[in-house]
Amino acid sequence: MSVPELTCQELVEVVTDYLEGAMPAPQRLLFEEHLAFCDWCRTYLEQIRATIRLTGAIEEETFTPEARETLLAAFRDWKRG
């Protein structure tokens, strides 16, 4: 029986779960195995970590209604792009 592989796109879609420690152990293993062989995804993960470090925790209340709507609109259809 072969172990299912995690694609780069699948890794990108679940990176938040990985970083938040919310990923089930079997999926985490697949995630980390993919990272061991994929320079692109390791770079992506480090970029996400750097973004989190640089932005800190931003509270929703700090956004104006216009800024909130602009951000929501920008990310609403990100999977379609």
N, C-alpha and C. Protein backbone atom coordinates (compact mmCIF):
# COMPACT_ATOMS: atom_id res chain seq x y z
N MET A 1 0.84 -1.18 0.00
CA MET A 1 0.00 0.00 0.00
C MET A 1 0.89 1.24 0.00
N SER A 2 0.64 2.16 -0.91
CA SER A 2 1.46 3.36 -0.97
C SER A 2 0.84 4.47 -0.10
N VAL A 3 1.70 5.35 0.39
CA VAL A 3 1.27 6.47 1.22
C VAL A 3 0.85 7.60 0.29
N PRO A 4 -0.33 8.16 0.51
CA PRO A 4 -0.73 9.28 -0.35
C PRO A 4 0.22 10.46 -0.17
N GLU A 5 0.52 11.11 -1.27
CA GLU A 5 1.41 12.27 -1.23
C GLU A 5 0.60 13.54 -1.08
N LEU A 6 1.22 14.53 -0.51
CA LEU A 6 0.62 15.84 -0.39
C LEU A 6 1.20 16.70 -1.51
N THR A 7 0.34 17.32 -2.31
CA THR A 7 0.82 18.18 -3.38
C THR A 7 1.16 19.56 -2.83
N CYS A 8 1.87 20.35 -3.60
CA CYS A 8 2.21 21.72 -3.18
C CYS A 8 0.94 22.52 -2.93
N GLN A 9 -0.04 22.40 -3.80
CA GLN A 9 -1.29 23.15 -3.63
C GLN A 9 -2.00 22.73 -2.34
N GLU A 10 -2.03 21.44 -2.06
CA GLU A 10 -2.66 20.96 -0.83
C GLU A 10 -1.92 21.49 0.40
N LEU A 11 -0.60 21.54 0.33
CA LEU A 11 0.18 22.06 1.44
C LEU A 11 -0.18 23.52 1.70
N VAL A 12 -0.25 24.31 0.66
CA VAL A 12 -0.60 25.73 0.80
C VAL A 12 -1.97 25.87 1.46
N GLU A 13 -2.91 25.01 1.09
CA GLU A 13 -4.27 25.10 1.62
C GLU A 13 -4.37 24.76 3.10
N VAL A 14 -3.42 23.98 3.63
CA VAL A 14 -3.50 23.56 5.03
C VAL A 14 -2.39 24.12 5.91
N VAL A 15 -1.61 25.07 5.38
CA VAL A 15 -0.48 25.59 6.12
C VAL A 15 -0.90 26.23 7.45
N THR A 16 -2.06 26.87 7.48
CA THR A 16 -2.53 27.49 8.71
C THR A 16 -2.79 26.43 9.79
N ASP A 17 -3.42 25.34 9.42
CA ASP A 17 -3.63 24.25 10.38
C ASP A 17 -2.31 23.74 10.94
N TYR A 18 -1.32 23.63 10.06
CA TYR A 18 0.00 23.17 10.49
C TYR A 18 0.61 24.13 11.50
N LEU A 19 0.59 25.41 11.17
CA LEU A 19 1.21 26.41 12.04
C LEU A 19 0.48 26.57 13.36
N GLU A 20 -0.83 26.34 13.37
CA GLU A 20 -1.62 26.47 14.59
C GLU A 20 -1.66 25.19 15.42
N GLY A 21 -1.02 24.12 14.91
CA GLY A 21 -1.01 22.85 15.64
C GLY A 21 -2.35 22.14 15.61
N ALA A 22 -3.18 22.47 14.63
CA ALA A 22 -4.52 21.90 14.54
C ALA A 22 -4.60 20.74 13.54
N MET A 23 -3.47 20.34 13.00
CA MET A 23 -3.45 19.31 11.98
C MET A 23 -3.33 17.92 12.64
N PRO A 24 -4.16 16.97 12.22
CA PRO A 24 -4.04 15.60 12.76
C PRO A 24 -2.66 15.02 12.46
N ALA A 25 -2.18 14.18 13.35
CA ALA A 25 -0.82 13.62 13.25
C ALA A 25 -0.52 12.98 11.89
N PRO A 26 -1.41 12.16 11.32
CA PRO A 26 -1.08 11.55 10.02
C PRO A 26 -0.89 12.60 8.92
N GLN A 27 -1.73 13.63 8.91
CA GLN A 27 -1.60 14.68 7.90
C GLN A 27 -0.34 15.51 8.15
N ARG A 28 -0.02 15.73 9.43
CA ARG A 28 1.19 16.48 9.78
C ARG A 28 2.44 15.74 9.26
N LEU A 29 2.43 14.44 9.38
CA LEU A 29 3.55 13.63 8.88
C LEU A 29 3.69 13.80 7.37
N LEU A 30 2.58 13.74 6.64
CA LEU A 30 2.63 13.94 5.18
C LEU A 30 3.14 15.34 4.85
N PHE A 31 2.69 16.33 5.61
CA PHE A 31 3.10 17.71 5.42
C PHE A 31 4.62 17.83 5.59
N GLU A 32 5.13 17.29 6.66
CA GLU A 32 6.57 17.38 6.95
C GLU A 32 7.40 16.55 5.98
N GLU A 33 6.87 15.43 5.52
CA GLU A 33 7.58 14.64 4.50
C GLU A 33 7.69 15.43 3.21
N HIS A 34 6.62 16.13 2.84
CA HIS A 34 6.65 16.96 1.64
C HIS A 34 7.70 18.06 1.79
N LEU A 35 7.73 18.70 2.94
CA LEU A 35 8.71 19.77 3.18
C LEU A 35 10.15 19.27 3.05
N ALA A 36 10.37 18.03 3.42
CA ALA A 36 11.72 17.46 3.37
C ALA A 36 12.27 17.41 1.94
N PHE A 37 11.36 17.37 0.96
CA PHE A 37 11.79 17.23 -0.43
C PHE A 37 11.45 18.41 -1.33
N CYS A 38 10.76 19.42 -0.80
CA CYS A 38 10.28 20.51 -1.66
C CYS A 38 10.82 21.85 -1.19
N ASP A 39 11.81 22.35 -1.89
CA ASP A 39 12.40 23.66 -1.55
C ASP A 39 11.36 24.77 -1.62
N TRP A 40 10.50 24.73 -2.64
CA TRP A 40 9.50 25.77 -2.82
C TRP A 40 8.58 25.85 -1.60
N CYS A 41 8.09 24.73 -1.13
CA CYS A 41 7.16 24.74 0.00
C CYS A 41 7.86 25.12 1.31
N ARG A 42 9.12 24.74 1.46
CA ARG A 42 9.88 25.19 2.65
C ARG A 42 10.01 26.71 2.63
N THR A 43 10.30 27.26 1.46
CA THR A 43 10.39 28.72 1.32
C THR A 43 9.05 29.36 1.62
N TYR A 44 7.98 28.80 1.09
CA TYR A 44 6.64 29.32 1.33
C TYR A 44 6.31 29.32 2.83
N LEU A 45 6.60 28.22 3.49
CA LEU A 45 6.33 28.11 4.93
C LEU A 45 7.12 29.17 5.70
N GLU A 46 8.36 29.38 5.35
CA GLU A 46 9.17 30.40 6.03
C GLU A 46 8.63 31.80 5.75
N GLN A 47 8.12 32.04 4.55
CA GLN A 47 7.53 33.34 4.23
C GLN A 47 6.27 33.58 5.08
N ILE A 48 5.47 32.56 5.25
CA ILE A 48 4.27 32.68 6.07
C ILE A 48 4.66 32.94 7.53
N ARG A 49 5.64 32.21 8.01
CA ARG A 49 6.11 32.43 9.39
C ARG A 49 6.65 33.86 9.57
N ALA A 50 7.38 34.36 8.58
CA ALA A 50 7.92 35.73 8.65
C ALA A 50 6.79 36.75 8.63
N THR A 51 5.78 36.49 7.81
CA THR A 51 4.64 37.39 7.76
C THR A 51 3.94 37.46 9.11
N ILE A 52 3.77 36.32 9.73
CA ILE A 52 3.12 36.28 11.05
C ILE A 52 3.96 37.03 12.08
N ARG A 53 5.26 36.82 12.05
CA ARG A 53 6.15 37.52 13.00
C ARG A 53 6.10 39.03 12.79
N LEU A 54 6.11 39.45 11.54
CA LEU A 54 6.16 40.88 11.23
C LEU A 54 4.84 41.60 11.46
N THR A 55 3.75 40.92 11.26
CA THR A 55 2.46 41.58 11.43
C THR A 55 1.92 41.47 12.84
N GLY A 56 2.39 40.47 13.57
CA GLY A 56 1.87 40.30 14.94
C GLY A 56 0.41 39.91 14.89
N ALA A 57 -0.23 40.10 16.00
CA ALA A 57 -1.66 39.78 16.10
C ALA A 57 -2.45 41.05 15.82
N ILE A 58 -3.17 41.04 14.74
CA ILE A 58 -3.99 42.19 14.36
C ILE A 58 -5.42 41.87 14.77
N GLU A 59 -6.00 42.72 15.57
CA GLU A 59 -7.37 42.54 16.03
C GLU A 59 -8.34 43.11 14.99
N GLU A 60 -9.42 42.42 14.77
CA GLU A 60 -10.41 42.86 13.78
C GLU A 60 -10.92 44.27 14.09
N GLU A 61 -11.00 44.60 15.37
CA GLU A 61 -11.51 45.90 15.77
C GLU A 61 -10.61 47.06 15.32
N THR A 62 -9.37 46.78 14.96
CA THR A 62 -8.46 47.85 14.55
C THR A 62 -8.71 48.30 13.11
N PHE A 63 -9.47 47.52 12.35
CA PHE A 63 -9.76 47.86 10.96
C PHE A 63 -11.00 48.74 10.86
N THR A 64 -10.95 49.69 9.96
CA THR A 64 -12.16 50.44 9.64
C THR A 64 -13.07 49.51 8.85
N PRO A 65 -14.36 49.78 8.81
CA PRO A 65 -15.25 48.93 8.01
C PRO A 65 -14.82 48.85 6.54
N GLU A 66 -14.29 49.95 6.01
CA GLU A 66 -13.85 49.96 4.62
C GLU A 66 -12.63 49.05 4.42
N ALA A 67 -11.67 49.13 5.34
CA ALA A 67 -10.47 48.29 5.24
C ALA A 67 -10.84 46.82 5.39
N ARG A 68 -11.74 46.52 6.30
CA ARG A 68 -12.19 45.14 6.50
C ARG A 68 -12.82 44.60 5.22
N GLU A 69 -13.70 45.37 4.61
CA GLU A 69 -14.37 44.93 3.38
C GLU A 69 -13.37 44.76 2.23
N THR A 70 -12.39 45.64 2.15
CA THR A 70 -11.37 45.54 1.10
C THR A 70 -10.58 44.24 1.25
N LEU A 71 -10.19 43.93 2.48
CA LEU A 71 -9.45 42.68 2.73
C LEU A 71 -10.32 41.46 2.43
N LEU A 72 -11.55 41.47 2.89
CA LEU A 72 -12.44 40.35 2.62
C LEU A 72 -12.64 40.15 1.12
N ALA A 73 -12.83 41.23 0.39
CA ALA A 73 -13.02 41.15 -1.05
C ALA A 73 -11.78 40.59 -1.75
N ALA A 74 -10.61 40.97 -1.25
CA ALA A 74 -9.36 40.51 -1.87
C ALA A 74 -9.16 39.01 -1.71
N PHE A 75 -9.63 38.46 -0.61
CA PHE A 75 -9.39 37.04 -0.34
C PHE A 75 -10.61 36.15 -0.58
N ARG A 76 -11.74 36.75 -0.85
CA ARG A 76 -12.98 36.00 -1.00
C ARG A 76 -12.86 34.91 -2.06
N ASP A 77 -12.28 35.21 -3.19
CA ASP A 77 -12.22 34.26 -4.31
C ASP A 77 -10.81 33.79 -4.61
N TRP A 78 -9.95 33.73 -3.61
CA TRP A 78 -8.54 33.40 -3.85
C TRP A 78 -8.34 32.02 -4.47
N LYS A 79 -9.20 31.06 -4.23
CA LYS A 79 -9.04 29.73 -4.81
C LYS A 79 -9.39 29.71 -6.30
N ARG A 80 -10.15 30.68 -6.74
CA ARG A 80 -10.56 30.73 -8.15
C ARG A 80 -9.46 31.27 -9.05
N GLY A 81 -8.53 32.04 -8.45
CA GLY A 81 -7.49 32.72 -9.23
C GLY A 81 -6.44 31.86 -9.74
